N, C-alpha and C. Protein backbone atom coordinates (compact mmCIF):
# COMPACT_ATOMS: atom_id res chain seq x y z
N UNK A 1 9.56 -19.87 22.38
CA UNK A 1 9.60 -18.68 21.56
C UNK A 1 11.01 -18.12 21.46
N UNK A 2 11.75 -18.21 22.56
CA UNK A 2 13.14 -17.73 22.57
C UNK A 2 13.97 -18.46 21.53
N UNK A 3 13.87 -19.79 21.51
CA UNK A 3 14.64 -20.57 20.57
C UNK A 3 14.24 -20.26 19.13
N UNK A 4 12.96 -20.04 18.90
CA UNK A 4 12.48 -19.73 17.55
C UNK A 4 13.05 -18.41 17.05
N UNK A 5 13.08 -17.40 17.92
CA UNK A 5 13.63 -16.11 17.50
C UNK A 5 15.12 -16.21 17.21
N UNK A 6 15.86 -16.94 18.03
CA UNK A 6 17.29 -17.12 17.76
C UNK A 6 17.48 -17.86 16.43
N UNK A 7 16.63 -18.86 16.17
CA UNK A 7 16.73 -19.60 14.91
C UNK A 7 16.46 -18.69 13.72
N UNK A 8 15.45 -17.83 13.82
CA UNK A 8 15.18 -16.88 12.74
C UNK A 8 16.36 -15.95 12.52
N UNK A 9 16.90 -15.42 13.60
CA UNK A 9 18.04 -14.50 13.47
C UNK A 9 19.25 -15.19 12.87
N UNK A 10 19.49 -16.45 13.23
CA UNK A 10 20.62 -17.18 12.64
C UNK A 10 20.40 -17.39 11.15
N UNK A 11 19.17 -17.71 10.75
CA UNK A 11 18.88 -17.90 9.33
C UNK A 11 19.08 -16.60 8.56
N UNK A 12 18.53 -15.52 9.09
CA UNK A 12 18.69 -14.22 8.43
C UNK A 12 20.17 -13.85 8.33
N UNK A 13 20.91 -14.12 9.40
CA UNK A 13 22.34 -13.85 9.43
C UNK A 13 23.06 -14.61 8.31
N UNK A 14 22.83 -15.90 8.24
CA UNK A 14 23.49 -16.71 7.21
C UNK A 14 23.06 -16.29 5.81
N UNK A 15 21.81 -15.97 5.64
CA UNK A 15 21.32 -15.55 4.33
C UNK A 15 21.98 -14.24 3.89
N UNK A 16 22.02 -13.26 4.79
CA UNK A 16 22.62 -11.98 4.46
C UNK A 16 24.11 -12.14 4.17
N UNK A 17 24.79 -12.94 4.97
CA UNK A 17 26.21 -13.17 4.74
C UNK A 17 26.43 -13.84 3.40
N UNK A 18 25.58 -14.82 3.05
CA UNK A 18 25.71 -15.50 1.76
C UNK A 18 25.46 -14.58 0.58
N UNK A 19 24.53 -13.65 0.74
CA UNK A 19 24.21 -12.73 -0.36
C UNK A 19 25.21 -11.58 -0.46
N UNK A 20 25.70 -11.10 0.69
CA UNK A 20 26.55 -9.91 0.68
C UNK A 20 28.03 -10.22 0.67
N UNK A 21 28.39 -11.46 0.92
CA UNK A 21 29.80 -11.82 1.02
C UNK A 21 30.43 -11.86 -0.37
N UNK A 22 31.34 -10.95 -0.61
CA UNK A 22 31.99 -10.89 -1.92
C UNK A 22 33.18 -11.84 -1.94
N UNK A 23 33.65 -12.19 -3.13
CA UNK A 23 34.80 -13.09 -3.22
C UNK A 23 36.13 -12.39 -2.94
N UNK A 24 36.09 -11.22 -2.34
CA UNK A 24 37.34 -10.51 -2.06
C UNK A 24 37.97 -11.02 -0.78
N UNK A 25 39.20 -10.64 -0.57
CA UNK A 25 39.94 -11.05 0.62
C UNK A 25 40.07 -9.92 1.62
N UNK A 26 39.31 -8.87 1.45
CA UNK A 26 39.43 -7.72 2.34
C UNK A 26 38.99 -8.08 3.75
N UNK A 27 39.51 -7.33 4.70
CA UNK A 27 39.17 -7.60 6.09
C UNK A 27 37.70 -7.32 6.36
N UNK A 28 37.12 -6.36 5.65
CA UNK A 28 35.69 -6.06 5.84
C UNK A 28 34.84 -7.26 5.43
N UNK A 29 35.20 -7.92 4.34
CA UNK A 29 34.45 -9.09 3.89
C UNK A 29 34.60 -10.25 4.86
N UNK A 30 35.72 -10.32 5.56
CA UNK A 30 35.93 -11.39 6.52
C UNK A 30 35.29 -11.09 7.88
N UNK A 31 35.12 -9.81 8.20
CA UNK A 31 34.50 -9.44 9.48
C UNK A 31 32.98 -9.39 9.42
N UNK A 32 32.43 -9.23 8.23
CA UNK A 32 30.99 -9.14 8.06
C UNK A 32 30.23 -10.31 8.70
N UNK A 33 30.65 -11.57 8.45
CA UNK A 33 29.92 -12.67 9.08
C UNK A 33 29.96 -12.61 10.61
N UNK A 34 31.09 -12.21 11.16
CA UNK A 34 31.19 -12.15 12.61
C UNK A 34 30.33 -11.03 13.19
N UNK A 35 30.26 -9.91 12.48
CA UNK A 35 29.41 -8.82 12.94
C UNK A 35 27.93 -9.21 12.91
N UNK A 36 27.53 -9.89 11.86
CA UNK A 36 26.13 -10.33 11.77
C UNK A 36 25.83 -11.42 12.79
N UNK A 37 26.82 -12.24 13.12
CA UNK A 37 26.62 -13.29 14.10
C UNK A 37 26.41 -12.70 15.50
N UNK A 38 26.87 -11.49 15.72
CA UNK A 38 26.69 -10.84 17.02
C UNK A 38 25.23 -10.50 17.27
N UNK A 39 24.42 -10.36 16.24
CA UNK A 39 23.00 -9.99 16.43
C UNK A 39 22.23 -11.07 17.18
N UNK A 40 22.22 -12.34 16.71
CA UNK A 40 21.51 -13.35 17.51
C UNK A 40 22.19 -13.60 18.85
N UNK A 41 23.51 -13.46 18.89
CA UNK A 41 24.22 -13.61 20.16
C UNK A 41 23.80 -12.56 21.17
N UNK A 42 23.67 -11.33 20.72
CA UNK A 42 23.24 -10.23 21.60
C UNK A 42 21.81 -10.46 22.08
N UNK A 43 20.94 -10.91 21.19
CA UNK A 43 19.56 -11.18 21.58
C UNK A 43 19.52 -12.29 22.64
N UNK A 44 20.23 -13.39 22.40
CA UNK A 44 20.23 -14.50 23.35
C UNK A 44 20.81 -14.06 24.69
N UNK A 45 21.91 -13.32 24.64
CA UNK A 45 22.54 -12.85 25.87
C UNK A 45 21.58 -11.94 26.64
N UNK A 46 20.93 -11.01 25.96
CA UNK A 46 20.00 -10.11 26.62
C UNK A 46 18.82 -10.84 27.24
N UNK A 47 18.28 -11.82 26.53
CA UNK A 47 17.15 -12.59 27.06
C UNK A 47 17.56 -13.35 28.30
N UNK A 48 18.70 -14.05 28.22
CA UNK A 48 19.12 -14.85 29.36
C UNK A 48 19.57 -13.99 30.54
N UNK A 49 20.13 -12.82 30.25
CA UNK A 49 20.56 -11.93 31.34
C UNK A 49 19.35 -11.38 32.10
N UNK A 50 18.23 -11.18 31.44
CA UNK A 50 17.03 -10.65 32.09
C UNK A 50 16.17 -11.74 32.72
N UNK A 51 16.48 -12.99 32.42
CA UNK A 51 15.68 -14.11 32.94
C UNK A 51 16.09 -14.43 34.37
N UNK A 52 15.18 -15.08 35.07
CA UNK A 52 15.49 -15.53 36.43
C UNK A 52 16.32 -16.80 36.36
N UNK A 53 16.90 -17.16 37.50
CA UNK A 53 17.76 -18.34 37.54
C UNK A 53 17.02 -19.63 37.13
N UNK A 54 15.77 -19.85 37.60
CA UNK A 54 15.08 -21.08 37.16
C UNK A 54 14.86 -21.13 35.64
N UNK A 55 14.60 -19.98 35.03
CA UNK A 55 14.40 -19.96 33.57
C UNK A 55 15.72 -20.31 32.87
N UNK A 56 16.82 -19.70 33.30
CA UNK A 56 18.13 -20.02 32.70
C UNK A 56 18.47 -21.48 32.89
N UNK A 57 18.16 -22.02 34.07
CA UNK A 57 18.43 -23.43 34.33
C UNK A 57 17.59 -24.31 33.42
N UNK A 58 16.34 -23.94 33.19
CA UNK A 58 15.48 -24.72 32.29
C UNK A 58 15.98 -24.67 30.85
N UNK A 59 16.43 -23.50 30.41
CA UNK A 59 17.00 -23.39 29.06
C UNK A 59 18.22 -24.29 28.93
N UNK A 60 19.07 -24.28 29.95
CA UNK A 60 20.26 -25.14 29.94
C UNK A 60 19.85 -26.62 29.88
N UNK A 61 18.84 -27.01 30.65
CA UNK A 61 18.37 -28.40 30.62
C UNK A 61 17.85 -28.78 29.24
N UNK A 62 17.08 -27.89 28.62
CA UNK A 62 16.54 -28.18 27.29
C UNK A 62 17.64 -28.37 26.26
N UNK A 63 18.69 -27.58 26.36
CA UNK A 63 19.76 -27.65 25.37
C UNK A 63 20.64 -28.88 25.57
N UNK A 64 20.96 -29.21 26.81
CA UNK A 64 21.95 -30.25 27.06
C UNK A 64 21.38 -31.64 27.29
N UNK A 65 20.09 -31.79 27.35
CA UNK A 65 19.49 -33.12 27.48
C UNK A 65 18.89 -33.53 26.15
N UNK A 66 18.94 -34.83 25.89
CA UNK A 66 18.45 -35.35 24.61
C UNK A 66 16.99 -34.95 24.38
N UNK A 67 16.71 -34.58 23.18
CA UNK A 67 15.35 -34.21 22.82
C UNK A 67 15.32 -33.30 21.61
N UNK A 68 14.14 -32.83 21.29
CA UNK A 68 13.95 -32.02 20.10
C UNK A 68 14.69 -30.70 20.17
N UNK A 69 14.64 -30.05 21.32
CA UNK A 69 15.29 -28.75 21.46
C UNK A 69 16.81 -28.91 21.30
N UNK A 70 17.34 -30.01 21.77
CA UNK A 70 18.78 -30.26 21.62
C UNK A 70 19.14 -30.38 20.15
N UNK A 71 18.32 -31.06 19.37
CA UNK A 71 18.59 -31.18 17.93
C UNK A 71 18.57 -29.82 17.27
N UNK A 72 17.61 -28.99 17.66
CA UNK A 72 17.55 -27.63 17.10
C UNK A 72 18.78 -26.82 17.52
N UNK A 73 19.19 -26.97 18.77
CA UNK A 73 20.37 -26.24 19.25
C UNK A 73 21.63 -26.69 18.52
N UNK A 74 21.74 -27.97 18.23
CA UNK A 74 22.89 -28.46 17.47
C UNK A 74 22.87 -27.88 16.05
N UNK A 75 21.70 -27.83 15.44
CA UNK A 75 21.60 -27.23 14.10
C UNK A 75 22.00 -25.76 14.13
N UNK A 76 21.57 -25.04 15.15
CA UNK A 76 21.93 -23.63 15.25
C UNK A 76 23.43 -23.46 15.52
N UNK A 77 24.00 -24.36 16.32
CA UNK A 77 25.45 -24.31 16.56
C UNK A 77 26.22 -24.57 15.26
N UNK A 78 25.73 -25.53 14.47
CA UNK A 78 26.36 -25.79 13.17
C UNK A 78 26.24 -24.58 12.25
N UNK A 79 25.12 -23.89 12.33
CA UNK A 79 24.95 -22.67 11.53
C UNK A 79 25.97 -21.62 11.95
N UNK A 80 26.16 -21.46 13.24
CA UNK A 80 27.15 -20.50 13.73
C UNK A 80 28.56 -20.87 13.33
N UNK A 81 28.89 -22.15 13.40
CA UNK A 81 30.22 -22.61 12.99
C UNK A 81 30.43 -22.37 11.50
N UNK A 82 29.41 -22.62 10.70
CA UNK A 82 29.52 -22.39 9.26
C UNK A 82 29.71 -20.91 8.95
N UNK A 83 29.04 -20.05 9.70
CA UNK A 83 29.19 -18.60 9.48
C UNK A 83 30.59 -18.15 9.86
N UNK A 84 31.11 -18.64 10.98
CA UNK A 84 32.47 -18.29 11.38
C UNK A 84 33.47 -18.85 10.37
N UNK A 85 33.24 -20.08 9.91
CA UNK A 85 34.13 -20.68 8.92
C UNK A 85 34.10 -19.88 7.62
N UNK A 86 32.94 -19.32 7.28
CA UNK A 86 32.85 -18.51 6.06
C UNK A 86 33.73 -17.27 6.17
N UNK A 87 33.94 -16.79 7.38
CA UNK A 87 34.76 -15.58 7.54
C UNK A 87 36.25 -15.87 7.40
N UNK A 88 36.67 -17.11 7.65
CA UNK A 88 38.10 -17.41 7.56
C UNK A 88 38.45 -18.28 6.35
N UNK A 89 37.46 -18.74 5.64
CA UNK A 89 37.69 -19.63 4.49
C UNK A 89 38.19 -18.83 3.29
N UNK A 90 38.81 -19.53 2.34
CA UNK A 90 39.19 -18.86 1.09
C UNK A 90 37.94 -18.38 0.35
N UNK A 91 38.08 -17.37 -0.50
CA UNK A 91 36.90 -16.79 -1.17
C UNK A 91 36.03 -17.80 -1.90
N UNK A 92 36.59 -18.84 -2.47
CA UNK A 92 35.78 -19.81 -3.21
C UNK A 92 34.85 -20.63 -2.35
N UNK A 93 35.17 -20.77 -1.06
CA UNK A 93 34.36 -21.60 -0.18
C UNK A 93 33.39 -20.81 0.68
N UNK A 94 33.48 -19.50 0.66
CA UNK A 94 32.64 -18.68 1.55
C UNK A 94 31.16 -18.83 1.27
N UNK A 95 30.78 -18.79 0.01
CA UNK A 95 29.36 -18.88 -0.33
C UNK A 95 28.79 -20.23 0.09
N UNK A 96 29.54 -21.31 -0.16
CA UNK A 96 29.06 -22.64 0.22
C UNK A 96 28.87 -22.74 1.73
N UNK A 97 29.80 -22.17 2.47
CA UNK A 97 29.69 -22.22 3.93
C UNK A 97 28.53 -21.36 4.42
N UNK A 98 28.31 -20.23 3.79
CA UNK A 98 27.17 -19.39 4.18
C UNK A 98 25.85 -20.09 3.87
N UNK A 99 25.77 -20.78 2.74
CA UNK A 99 24.57 -21.54 2.40
C UNK A 99 24.37 -22.68 3.40
N UNK A 100 25.47 -23.31 3.79
CA UNK A 100 25.39 -24.37 4.79
C UNK A 100 24.84 -23.82 6.10
N UNK A 101 25.33 -22.64 6.49
CA UNK A 101 24.81 -22.01 7.70
C UNK A 101 23.33 -21.72 7.60
N UNK A 102 22.90 -21.23 6.45
CA UNK A 102 21.47 -20.93 6.25
C UNK A 102 20.64 -22.21 6.31
N UNK A 103 21.13 -23.28 5.69
CA UNK A 103 20.39 -24.55 5.73
C UNK A 103 20.32 -25.11 7.14
N UNK A 104 21.42 -25.04 7.87
CA UNK A 104 21.42 -25.55 9.25
C UNK A 104 20.47 -24.74 10.12
N UNK A 105 20.46 -23.43 9.94
CA UNK A 105 19.52 -22.59 10.70
C UNK A 105 18.09 -22.90 10.32
N UNK A 106 17.84 -23.15 9.04
CA UNK A 106 16.49 -23.49 8.59
C UNK A 106 16.04 -24.83 9.16
N UNK A 107 16.96 -25.79 9.21
CA UNK A 107 16.63 -27.09 9.81
C UNK A 107 16.30 -26.91 11.29
N UNK A 108 17.10 -26.11 11.99
CA UNK A 108 16.81 -25.85 13.40
C UNK A 108 15.45 -25.23 13.60
N UNK A 109 15.10 -24.30 12.73
CA UNK A 109 13.79 -23.65 12.82
C UNK A 109 12.67 -24.64 12.52
N UNK A 110 12.86 -25.52 11.54
CA UNK A 110 11.85 -26.52 11.21
C UNK A 110 11.64 -27.49 12.37
N UNK A 111 12.73 -27.87 13.03
CA UNK A 111 12.62 -28.77 14.19
C UNK A 111 11.83 -28.09 15.31
N UNK A 112 12.11 -26.82 15.54
CA UNK A 112 11.36 -26.08 16.57
C UNK A 112 9.89 -25.94 16.19
N UNK A 113 9.60 -25.70 14.93
CA UNK A 113 8.22 -25.61 14.48
C UNK A 113 7.50 -26.94 14.71
N UNK A 114 8.17 -28.02 14.38
CA UNK A 114 7.58 -29.34 14.56
C UNK A 114 7.27 -29.58 16.03
N UNK A 115 8.18 -29.18 16.92
CA UNK A 115 7.97 -29.35 18.35
C UNK A 115 6.77 -28.54 18.82
N UNK A 116 6.66 -27.30 18.36
CA UNK A 116 5.53 -26.45 18.75
C UNK A 116 4.22 -27.03 18.22
N UNK A 117 4.25 -27.56 17.00
CA UNK A 117 3.05 -28.17 16.41
C UNK A 117 2.61 -29.39 17.22
N UNK A 118 3.57 -30.24 17.61
CA UNK A 118 3.24 -31.41 18.42
C UNK A 118 2.63 -30.99 19.76
N UNK A 119 3.24 -29.98 20.39
CA UNK A 119 2.75 -29.53 21.70
C UNK A 119 1.34 -28.94 21.59
N UNK A 120 1.09 -28.16 20.55
CA UNK A 120 -0.24 -27.56 20.42
C UNK A 120 -1.29 -28.62 20.09
N UNK A 121 -0.95 -29.61 19.29
CA UNK A 121 -1.90 -30.67 18.99
C UNK A 121 -2.16 -31.54 20.22
N UNK A 122 -1.11 -31.78 21.01
CA UNK A 122 -1.28 -32.58 22.23
C UNK A 122 -2.14 -31.83 23.24
N UNK A 123 -2.05 -30.51 23.29
CA UNK A 123 -2.82 -29.71 24.24
C UNK A 123 -4.31 -29.80 23.98
N UNK A 124 -4.69 -30.03 22.72
CA UNK A 124 -6.13 -30.13 22.42
C UNK A 124 -6.56 -31.59 22.19
N UNK A 125 -5.66 -32.52 22.53
CA UNK A 125 -6.00 -33.94 22.47
C UNK A 125 -5.90 -34.59 21.12
N UNK A 126 -5.22 -33.97 20.18
CA UNK A 126 -5.07 -34.57 18.85
C UNK A 126 -3.73 -35.29 18.74
N UNK A 127 -3.69 -36.28 17.87
CA UNK A 127 -2.46 -37.02 17.65
C UNK A 127 -1.48 -36.18 16.83
N UNK A 128 -0.18 -36.32 17.10
CA UNK A 128 0.80 -35.56 16.32
C UNK A 128 0.86 -36.07 14.89
N UNK A 129 1.24 -35.20 13.99
CA UNK A 129 1.40 -35.60 12.59
C UNK A 129 2.76 -35.08 12.11
N UNK A 130 3.33 -35.76 11.13
CA UNK A 130 4.65 -35.32 10.66
C UNK A 130 4.58 -33.99 9.92
N UNK A 131 5.63 -33.20 10.06
CA UNK A 131 5.72 -31.91 9.38
C UNK A 131 5.77 -32.12 7.87
N UNK A 132 6.57 -33.08 7.46
CA UNK A 132 6.71 -33.42 6.04
C UNK A 132 6.52 -34.93 5.92
N UNK A 133 5.69 -35.36 4.99
CA UNK A 133 5.45 -36.78 4.80
C UNK A 133 6.72 -37.49 4.35
N UNK A 134 6.89 -38.76 4.74
CA UNK A 134 8.10 -39.50 4.37
C UNK A 134 8.34 -39.57 2.86
N UNK A 135 7.28 -39.65 2.07
CA UNK A 135 7.47 -39.71 0.61
C UNK A 135 8.12 -38.43 0.09
N UNK A 136 7.72 -37.30 0.63
CA UNK A 136 8.35 -36.04 0.24
C UNK A 136 9.78 -35.96 0.75
N UNK A 137 10.05 -36.54 1.91
CA UNK A 137 11.42 -36.57 2.43
C UNK A 137 12.34 -37.36 1.49
N UNK A 138 11.83 -38.44 0.91
CA UNK A 138 12.63 -39.21 -0.04
C UNK A 138 12.94 -38.38 -1.29
N UNK A 139 11.97 -37.60 -1.74
CA UNK A 139 12.20 -36.73 -2.90
C UNK A 139 13.26 -35.68 -2.56
N UNK A 140 13.17 -35.10 -1.37
CA UNK A 140 14.16 -34.11 -0.95
C UNK A 140 15.55 -34.75 -0.86
N UNK A 141 15.63 -35.97 -0.32
CA UNK A 141 16.92 -36.67 -0.23
C UNK A 141 17.50 -36.92 -1.62
N UNK A 142 16.65 -37.30 -2.56
CA UNK A 142 17.13 -37.54 -3.92
C UNK A 142 17.63 -36.24 -4.56
N UNK A 143 16.92 -35.15 -4.35
CA UNK A 143 17.36 -33.87 -4.91
C UNK A 143 18.67 -33.41 -4.29
N UNK A 144 18.83 -33.62 -2.99
CA UNK A 144 20.10 -33.28 -2.34
C UNK A 144 21.24 -34.13 -2.89
N UNK A 145 20.98 -35.41 -3.12
CA UNK A 145 22.01 -36.29 -3.68
C UNK A 145 22.37 -35.88 -5.11
N UNK A 146 21.39 -35.51 -5.91
CA UNK A 146 21.66 -35.04 -7.27
C UNK A 146 22.47 -33.74 -7.26
N UNK A 147 22.15 -32.85 -6.34
CA UNK A 147 22.91 -31.60 -6.22
C UNK A 147 24.35 -31.89 -5.82
N UNK A 148 24.53 -32.84 -4.89
CA UNK A 148 25.89 -33.23 -4.48
C UNK A 148 26.66 -33.80 -5.67
N UNK A 149 26.00 -34.63 -6.47
CA UNK A 149 26.67 -35.20 -7.64
C UNK A 149 27.04 -34.11 -8.65
N UNK A 150 26.15 -33.16 -8.86
CA UNK A 150 26.43 -32.07 -9.80
C UNK A 150 27.61 -31.21 -9.30
N UNK A 151 27.66 -30.97 -8.02
CA UNK A 151 28.78 -30.20 -7.48
C UNK A 151 30.09 -30.97 -7.57
N UNK A 152 30.04 -32.28 -7.37
CA UNK A 152 31.25 -33.09 -7.53
C UNK A 152 31.75 -33.05 -8.98
N UNK A 153 30.84 -33.15 -9.92
CA UNK A 153 31.22 -33.07 -11.33
C UNK A 153 31.82 -31.70 -11.64
N UNK A 154 31.20 -30.64 -11.11
CA UNK A 154 31.72 -29.29 -11.33
C UNK A 154 33.09 -29.12 -10.70
N UNK A 155 33.29 -29.70 -9.53
CA UNK A 155 34.59 -29.59 -8.86
C UNK A 155 35.67 -30.33 -9.64
N UNK A 156 35.33 -31.49 -10.21
CA UNK A 156 36.32 -32.29 -10.93
C UNK A 156 36.57 -31.78 -12.35
N UNK A 157 35.51 -31.39 -13.03
CA UNK A 157 35.59 -31.05 -14.45
C UNK A 157 36.02 -29.61 -14.69
N UNK A 158 35.41 -28.69 -13.97
CA UNK A 158 35.63 -27.28 -14.26
C UNK A 158 36.62 -26.61 -13.32
N UNK A 159 37.23 -27.38 -12.46
CA UNK A 159 38.15 -26.82 -11.47
C UNK A 159 37.45 -25.68 -10.71
N UNK A 160 36.27 -25.99 -10.18
CA UNK A 160 35.44 -24.99 -9.53
C UNK A 160 35.99 -24.53 -8.19
N UNK A 161 37.01 -25.18 -7.68
CA UNK A 161 37.62 -24.75 -6.43
C UNK A 161 37.05 -25.49 -5.24
N UNK A 162 37.52 -25.10 -4.06
CA UNK A 162 37.11 -25.83 -2.85
C UNK A 162 35.66 -25.62 -2.48
N UNK A 163 35.05 -24.54 -2.95
CA UNK A 163 33.65 -24.28 -2.61
C UNK A 163 32.73 -25.36 -3.13
N UNK A 164 32.96 -25.81 -4.36
CA UNK A 164 32.10 -26.86 -4.93
C UNK A 164 32.29 -28.18 -4.20
N UNK A 165 33.51 -28.49 -3.81
CA UNK A 165 33.77 -29.73 -3.09
C UNK A 165 33.14 -29.69 -1.70
N UNK A 166 33.28 -28.57 -1.01
CA UNK A 166 32.66 -28.42 0.31
C UNK A 166 31.14 -28.52 0.17
N UNK A 167 30.58 -27.85 -0.82
CA UNK A 167 29.14 -27.91 -1.04
C UNK A 167 28.68 -29.33 -1.34
N UNK A 168 29.47 -30.07 -2.15
CA UNK A 168 29.10 -31.45 -2.47
C UNK A 168 29.08 -32.32 -1.23
N UNK A 169 30.06 -32.16 -0.36
CA UNK A 169 30.09 -32.95 0.87
C UNK A 169 28.91 -32.60 1.78
N UNK A 170 28.59 -31.33 1.85
CA UNK A 170 27.49 -30.90 2.70
C UNK A 170 26.16 -31.42 2.16
N UNK A 171 25.96 -31.33 0.85
CA UNK A 171 24.71 -31.82 0.27
C UNK A 171 24.61 -33.34 0.37
N UNK A 172 25.74 -34.04 0.24
CA UNK A 172 25.72 -35.50 0.40
C UNK A 172 25.34 -35.87 1.82
N UNK A 173 25.90 -35.17 2.81
CA UNK A 173 25.54 -35.44 4.20
C UNK A 173 24.07 -35.13 4.44
N UNK A 174 23.58 -34.06 3.84
CA UNK A 174 22.17 -33.72 3.96
C UNK A 174 21.27 -34.78 3.35
N UNK A 175 21.70 -35.34 2.21
CA UNK A 175 20.92 -36.40 1.56
C UNK A 175 20.84 -37.64 2.44
N UNK A 176 21.97 -38.01 3.04
CA UNK A 176 22.00 -39.20 3.90
C UNK A 176 21.12 -38.98 5.14
N UNK A 177 21.26 -37.80 5.76
CA UNK A 177 20.46 -37.51 6.96
C UNK A 177 18.97 -37.47 6.62
N UNK A 178 18.61 -36.88 5.50
CA UNK A 178 17.21 -36.80 5.10
C UNK A 178 16.65 -38.19 4.81
N UNK A 179 17.44 -39.04 4.16
CA UNK A 179 16.99 -40.40 3.88
C UNK A 179 16.78 -41.18 5.18
N UNK A 180 17.66 -40.97 6.16
CA UNK A 180 17.49 -41.65 7.45
C UNK A 180 16.20 -41.19 8.14
N UNK A 181 15.94 -39.89 8.11
CA UNK A 181 14.71 -39.37 8.72
C UNK A 181 13.49 -39.91 7.98
N UNK A 182 13.55 -39.97 6.66
CA UNK A 182 12.42 -40.48 5.88
C UNK A 182 12.17 -41.95 6.19
N UNK A 183 13.24 -42.73 6.36
CA UNK A 183 13.09 -44.14 6.70
C UNK A 183 12.45 -44.34 8.06
N UNK A 184 12.86 -43.50 9.04
CA UNK A 184 12.25 -43.59 10.37
C UNK A 184 10.79 -43.16 10.33
N UNK A 185 10.48 -42.15 9.54
CA UNK A 185 9.10 -41.68 9.44
C UNK A 185 8.18 -42.71 8.85
N UNK A 186 8.65 -43.42 7.84
CA UNK A 186 7.82 -44.45 7.21
C UNK A 186 7.55 -45.59 8.19
N UNK A 187 8.57 -45.97 8.99
CA UNK A 187 8.36 -47.04 9.97
C UNK A 187 7.37 -46.61 11.04
N UNK A 188 7.44 -45.34 11.49
CA UNK A 188 6.54 -44.89 12.55
C UNK A 188 5.09 -44.75 12.04
N UNK A 189 4.92 -44.49 10.76
CA UNK A 189 3.57 -44.38 10.21
C UNK A 189 2.93 -45.76 10.12
N UNK A 190 3.74 -46.78 9.74
CA UNK A 190 3.21 -48.14 9.63
C UNK A 190 2.81 -48.71 10.98
N UNK A 191 3.49 -48.30 12.04
CA UNK A 191 3.26 -48.89 13.38
C UNK A 191 1.91 -48.52 13.95
């Protein structure tokens, strides 16, 4: 539950920063992402400060050992990095970085949801099922690739600035990662 709440707060943070971040260069516009990032940080700090040593040790084990929680933690860390980068990036790239942060936080939340779903199904003796079917994952990968291509064309043709190029790279990476997950899902369903 702790990880889920932090994931929600990171998503809300990135969403608000993406919506409220103006293309200005004022110091207030650059500090806004950092101020919003303090909210999930404060929540996590407060939770861990009130927890006992075994609980903190278990949280550390979940984050630093390979597994589902680690993947979610990496997604949330990427969301935090994108939010911080949005605060220091040129105005044209801020929105793309904030969207990247929101997507990374959303992926982290989806991974945590999938883990909770698997655990609840295992508790009642049912077999786990995928959150999203592989065929839908292929459609999502194709849409991400098309978005990356459109952003590349916009960056080259309209001189859209660094934001479009950064967005294109991020969407291309998302398309590749989604296609890899879809390929693994299809193999596991056949087995």
